Amino acid sequence: MKKFKLLTAMAVAALTVVFASFALVGCGEKDYSFEAENADITVGTSMQFDASKVPPDHDWNSPNGWMIMFDPQYQSELPVKVIVETGNTEYTGSDEEQGPEVTNVGNFYGKGTLMTWKITASKACEATLKLRAASAKVDNGQTPTRVDAVDFSAEAPVKLKVNDTEVALTGVLPGLETIEVTDFSFYRNFADTVTANINLVEGENTIVLVAPERLSVINIDKIIINCSAKLSYTPVDNSDFPSSVM
């Protein structure tokens, strides 16, 4: 009789584990992607060279004539040129292997420059946010030869705010020791190695990336949120943004 009771108890325990596993599957978490080019992008300002201040008779061909661009008296606080690059391919490290097409937001800097997503959650929950981005931190030589890794714990090139509360982003975007200067796809060596733990409320959530005022060292592909709630948002059409700084 004891043996029968033991077997029965074991069977019940086994069934409990099975049903528990089905319950976990039923309320499992899911990844939701929110593209940078579909965020609400607010363009800020920075101190920049102002060509309108240059005297008409300035000799650009004189020795160091171009150095006027760095003279504070010829600078003004102007809107930055945030760019939305389309039709590019991700970096693969091989000329023979072409990566998938990708659209990213670059030149993301300036006082007051923001990237905002209004995301609706079906319930309140904890979530993990990944920032998928690429380092654009090229060495300071006249001809770039490498791309430096970006350690968010050391320099944090962007800040994250969730429902008006700043949340720490941690992780390192990889660099590249050697690059081909003729192939600028190294700016699109994307990784999702920078993460944050966030709390979502039921209903509308405001997710904001705050740009640095003076330094732009990453290109942003998207954010990825993993959670058990159902998420939705309305993409913003940013097709009128320039695709280059030229």
Protein backbone atom coordinates (compact mmCIF):
# COMPACT_ATOMS: atom_id res chain seq x y z
CA MET A 1 0.00 0.00 0.00
CA LYS A 2 2.81 2.40 0.82
CA LYS A 3 4.40 1.63 -2.51
CA PHE A 4 1.13 2.42 -4.31
CA LYS A 5 0.77 5.72 -2.43
CA LEU A 6 4.36 6.63 -3.30
CA LEU A 7 3.80 5.90 -6.99
CA THR A 8 0.59 7.90 -6.93
CA ALA A 9 2.34 10.86 -5.31
CA MET A 10 5.12 10.68 -7.90
CA ALA A 11 2.57 10.61 -10.73
CA VAL A 12 0.76 13.65 -9.31
CA ALA A 13 4.05 15.48 -8.97
CA ALA A 14 4.97 14.64 -12.55
CA LEU A 15 1.61 15.87 -13.82
CA THR A 16 2.02 19.03 -11.79
CA VAL A 17 5.37 19.70 -13.48
CA VAL A 18 3.86 19.04 -16.91
CA PHE A 19 0.90 21.36 -16.34
CA ALA A 20 3.20 23.98 -14.84
CA SER A 21 5.36 23.85 -17.95
CA PHE A 22 2.26 24.30 -20.14
CA ALA A 23 1.25 27.25 -17.96
CA LEU A 24 4.65 28.85 -18.47
CA VAL A 25 4.39 28.38 -22.22
CA GLY A 26 0.94 29.91 -22.19
CA CYS A 27 2.13 33.14 -20.53
CA GLY A 28 5.57 33.14 -22.10
CA GLU A 29 7.44 36.26 -23.10
CA LYS A 30 7.84 37.65 -26.60
CA ASP A 31 10.19 40.02 -28.42
CA TYR A 32 8.75 43.20 -29.89
CA SER A 33 10.84 45.38 -32.22
CA PHE A 34 10.49 49.14 -32.50
CA GLU A 35 12.52 50.64 -35.34
CA ALA A 36 14.49 53.85 -34.79
CA GLU A 37 13.29 55.30 -38.09
CA ASN A 38 9.67 54.91 -36.91
CA ALA A 39 10.17 56.76 -33.62
CA ASP A 40 9.06 60.34 -33.03
CA ILE A 41 12.39 62.13 -33.56
CA THR A 42 12.90 65.55 -31.98
CA VAL A 43 15.80 67.49 -33.49
CA GLY A 44 17.84 69.56 -31.06
CA THR A 45 20.67 72.06 -31.49
CA SER A 46 24.43 72.26 -31.12
CA MET A 47 27.20 74.82 -31.62
CA GLN A 48 28.24 74.47 -35.25
CA PHE A 49 30.13 76.31 -37.94
CA ASP A 50 27.92 79.03 -39.40
CA ALA A 51 28.92 79.82 -42.98
CA SER A 52 26.81 82.99 -42.92
CA LYS A 53 29.31 84.55 -40.51
CA VAL A 54 32.32 84.09 -42.80
CA PRO A 55 33.54 87.33 -44.46
CA PRO A 56 32.94 87.30 -48.23
CA ASP A 57 36.64 87.89 -48.89
CA HIS A 58 37.86 84.97 -46.76
CA ASP A 59 40.54 82.99 -48.62
CA TRP A 60 39.69 79.33 -48.15
CA ASN A 61 42.76 78.32 -50.16
CA SER A 62 45.19 80.09 -47.88
CA PRO A 63 47.29 78.01 -45.46
CA ASN A 64 44.92 76.82 -42.72
CA GLY A 65 42.09 78.77 -44.33
CA TRP A 66 39.67 76.01 -43.42
CA MET A 67 40.56 76.36 -39.71
CA ILE A 68 38.02 79.17 -39.54
CA MET A 69 35.43 76.42 -39.19
CA PHE A 70 36.69 75.77 -35.64
CA ASP A 71 36.85 79.41 -34.56
CA PRO A 72 34.12 80.07 -31.93
CA GLN A 73 33.32 83.48 -33.41
CA TYR A 74 32.12 81.76 -36.58
CA GLN A 75 29.83 79.32 -34.81
CA SER A 76 26.16 79.50 -33.91
CA GLU A 77 23.67 77.25 -32.14
CA LEU A 78 22.02 75.50 -35.06
CA PRO A 79 19.72 72.49 -35.53
CA VAL A 80 21.65 69.24 -35.87
CA LYS A 81 21.14 67.11 -38.96
CA VAL A 82 19.83 63.80 -37.65
CA ILE A 83 19.85 61.36 -40.55
CA VAL A 84 17.72 58.34 -41.47
CA GLU A 85 19.85 56.06 -43.64
CA THR A 86 17.94 53.68 -45.89
CA GLY A 87 18.89 51.07 -48.47
CA ASN A 88 22.08 50.08 -46.67
CA THR A 89 23.23 46.59 -45.72
CA GLU A 90 24.50 45.31 -42.41
CA TYR A 91 28.21 44.70 -41.94
CA THR A 92 29.22 41.05 -42.37
CA GLY A 93 33.01 41.31 -42.38
CA SER A 94 33.18 39.89 -45.89
CA ASP A 95 33.01 41.55 -49.30
CA GLU A 96 31.54 38.34 -50.71
CA GLU A 97 28.74 38.06 -48.16
CA GLN A 98 26.20 40.88 -48.32
CA GLY A 99 24.17 41.47 -45.18
CA PRO A 100 20.42 42.15 -45.02
CA GLU A 101 19.11 45.62 -45.75
CA VAL A 102 18.84 47.85 -42.74
CA THR A 103 17.57 51.34 -41.95
CA ASN A 104 19.19 53.22 -39.09
CA VAL A 105 19.24 56.64 -37.45
CA GLY A 106 22.63 58.33 -37.30
CA ASN A 107 24.12 61.68 -36.32
CA PHE A 108 21.96 61.38 -33.22
CA TYR A 109 23.22 64.15 -30.98
CA GLY A 110 22.44 67.70 -29.89
CA LYS A 111 20.84 69.48 -26.95
CA GLY A 112 17.21 68.43 -26.93
CA THR A 113 17.53 65.68 -29.54
CA LEU A 114 15.22 62.80 -28.63
CA MET A 115 13.85 59.55 -30.02
CA THR A 116 10.43 58.66 -28.57
CA TRP A 117 8.17 55.64 -28.85
CA LYS A 118 4.64 55.64 -27.40
CA ILE A 119 4.04 51.97 -26.68
CA THR A 120 0.79 50.49 -25.38
CA ALA A 121 1.05 47.45 -23.07
CA SER A 122 -1.86 45.09 -22.38
CA LYS A 123 -0.80 44.82 -18.73
CA ALA A 124 1.82 46.03 -16.27
CA CYS A 125 4.95 43.89 -16.28
CA GLU A 126 8.71 43.77 -15.98
CA ALA A 127 10.57 43.72 -19.29
CA THR A 128 14.02 43.59 -20.82
CA LEU A 129 14.96 46.25 -23.36
CA LYS A 130 17.79 45.74 -25.85
CA LEU A 131 19.29 48.61 -27.81
CA ARG A 132 20.40 47.37 -31.24
CA ALA A 133 23.05 49.78 -32.43
CA ALA A 134 26.51 50.00 -34.00
CA SER A 135 29.58 51.88 -32.92
CA ALA A 136 30.46 54.82 -35.16
CA LYS A 137 33.42 55.75 -32.98
CA VAL A 138 36.21 55.83 -35.55
CA ASP A 139 39.82 56.46 -34.53
CA ASN A 140 41.02 60.03 -34.85
CA GLY A 141 43.42 59.48 -37.75
CA GLN A 142 42.78 61.21 -41.07
CA THR A 143 42.13 57.80 -42.62
CA PRO A 144 40.03 55.62 -40.31
CA THR A 145 41.60 52.24 -39.62
CA ARG A 146 39.46 50.91 -36.77
CA VAL A 147 36.16 51.36 -34.95
CA ASP A 148 36.32 51.51 -31.15
CA ALA A 149 33.98 49.56 -28.90
CA VAL A 150 31.49 51.66 -26.93
CA ASP A 151 31.17 50.78 -23.26
CA PHE A 152 27.91 52.20 -21.92
CA SER A 153 29.00 51.86 -18.30
CA ALA A 154 31.94 54.16 -19.06
CA GLU A 155 30.49 56.77 -21.42
CA ALA A 156 26.76 56.13 -22.07
CA PRO A 157 26.41 57.84 -25.48
CA VAL A 158 22.62 57.90 -25.08
CA LYS A 159 20.35 57.90 -22.03
CA LEU A 160 17.17 55.87 -21.65
CA LYS A 161 14.01 57.17 -19.98
CA VAL A 162 10.93 55.02 -19.37
CA ASN A 163 7.82 56.92 -18.28
CA ASP A 164 9.98 59.90 -17.24
CA THR A 165 12.32 57.74 -15.13
CA GLU A 166 15.95 57.35 -16.21
CA VAL A 167 17.00 53.72 -16.52
CA ALA A 168 20.60 52.52 -16.84
CA LEU A 169 21.71 50.96 -20.11
CA THR A 170 24.60 48.53 -19.67
CA GLY A 171 26.77 46.58 -22.06
CA VAL A 172 29.36 47.09 -24.79
CA LEU A 173 28.86 47.61 -28.50
CA PRO A 174 31.66 45.81 -30.33
CA GLY A 175 34.30 47.62 -32.34
CA LEU A 176 36.44 46.50 -35.28
CA GLU A 177 40.22 46.28 -35.15
CA THR A 178 40.64 46.71 -38.91
CA ILE A 179 38.30 48.20 -41.49
CA GLU A 180 38.26 48.73 -45.23
CA VAL A 181 38.02 52.48 -45.79
CA THR A 182 36.24 51.98 -49.12
CA ASP A 183 33.39 50.05 -47.49
CA PHE A 184 31.51 52.18 -44.99
CA SER A 185 29.27 49.29 -43.91
CA PHE A 186 31.49 49.07 -40.81
CA TYR A 187 29.25 51.80 -39.41
CA ARG A 188 26.50 49.17 -39.47
CA ASN A 189 28.18 46.47 -37.40
CA PHE A 190 24.99 46.14 -35.34
CA ALA A 191 24.69 44.27 -32.05
CA ASP A 192 22.03 44.03 -29.34
CA THR A 193 24.52 43.72 -26.48
CA VAL A 194 23.33 46.84 -24.61
CA THR A 195 20.36 46.16 -22.32
CA ALA A 196 18.18 47.58 -19.55
CA ASN A 197 15.59 46.17 -17.15
CA ILE A 198 12.44 48.27 -17.32
CA ASN A 199 8.93 48.35 -15.86
CA LEU A 200 5.94 48.84 -18.12
CA VAL A 201 2.54 50.06 -16.97
CA GLU A 202 -0.78 48.94 -18.38
CA GLY A 203 -1.72 51.31 -21.17
CA GLU A 204 0.59 53.88 -22.73
CA ASN A 205 4.33 53.83 -21.98
CA THR A 206 6.78 56.50 -23.14
CA ILE A 207 10.21 55.16 -24.09
CA VAL A 208 12.78 57.87 -24.84
CA LEU A 209 16.39 57.82 -25.99
CA VAL A 210 18.11 61.09 -25.07
CA ALA A 211 21.00 62.04 -27.34
CA PRO A 212 24.33 63.40 -26.06
CA GLU A 213 24.81 67.13 -26.61
CA ARG A 214 28.17 67.04 -28.36
CA LEU A 215 29.20 63.49 -29.22
CA SER A 216 27.57 61.12 -31.67
CA VAL A 217 29.27 57.73 -31.57
CA ILE A 218 26.53 55.22 -32.37
CA ASN A 219 24.09 54.45 -35.18
CA ILE A 220 20.75 53.18 -33.89
CA ASP A 221 18.80 50.40 -35.59
CA LYS A 222 15.98 49.74 -33.11
CA ILE A 223 14.98 48.77 -29.59
CA ILE A 224 13.73 45.28 -28.76
CA ILE A 225 11.46 44.75 -25.74
CA ASN A 226 10.94 41.27 -24.31
CA CYS A 227 7.95 40.91 -21.99
CA SER A 228 4.81 38.92 -21.25
CA ALA A 229 2.43 41.77 -22.17
CA LYS A 230 1.13 42.42 -25.65
CA LEU A 231 2.73 45.58 -27.05
CA SER A 232 1.67 47.86 -29.88
CA TYR A 233 2.52 51.31 -31.24
CA THR A 234 1.88 53.56 -34.21
CA PRO A 235 4.98 54.05 -36.40
CA VAL A 236 5.95 57.61 -37.33
CA ASP A 237 6.76 58.45 -40.96
CA ASN A 238 10.22 60.04 -40.98
CA SER A 239 10.80 59.79 -44.73
CA ASP A 240 11.40 63.55 -44.91
CA PHE A 241 14.60 63.29 -42.85
CA PRO A 242 17.89 63.64 -44.76
CA SER A 243 19.85 60.47 -45.50
CA SER A 244 23.29 62.07 -45.12
CA VAL A 245 24.96 65.04 -43.45
CA MET A 246 26.06 66.47 -46.80
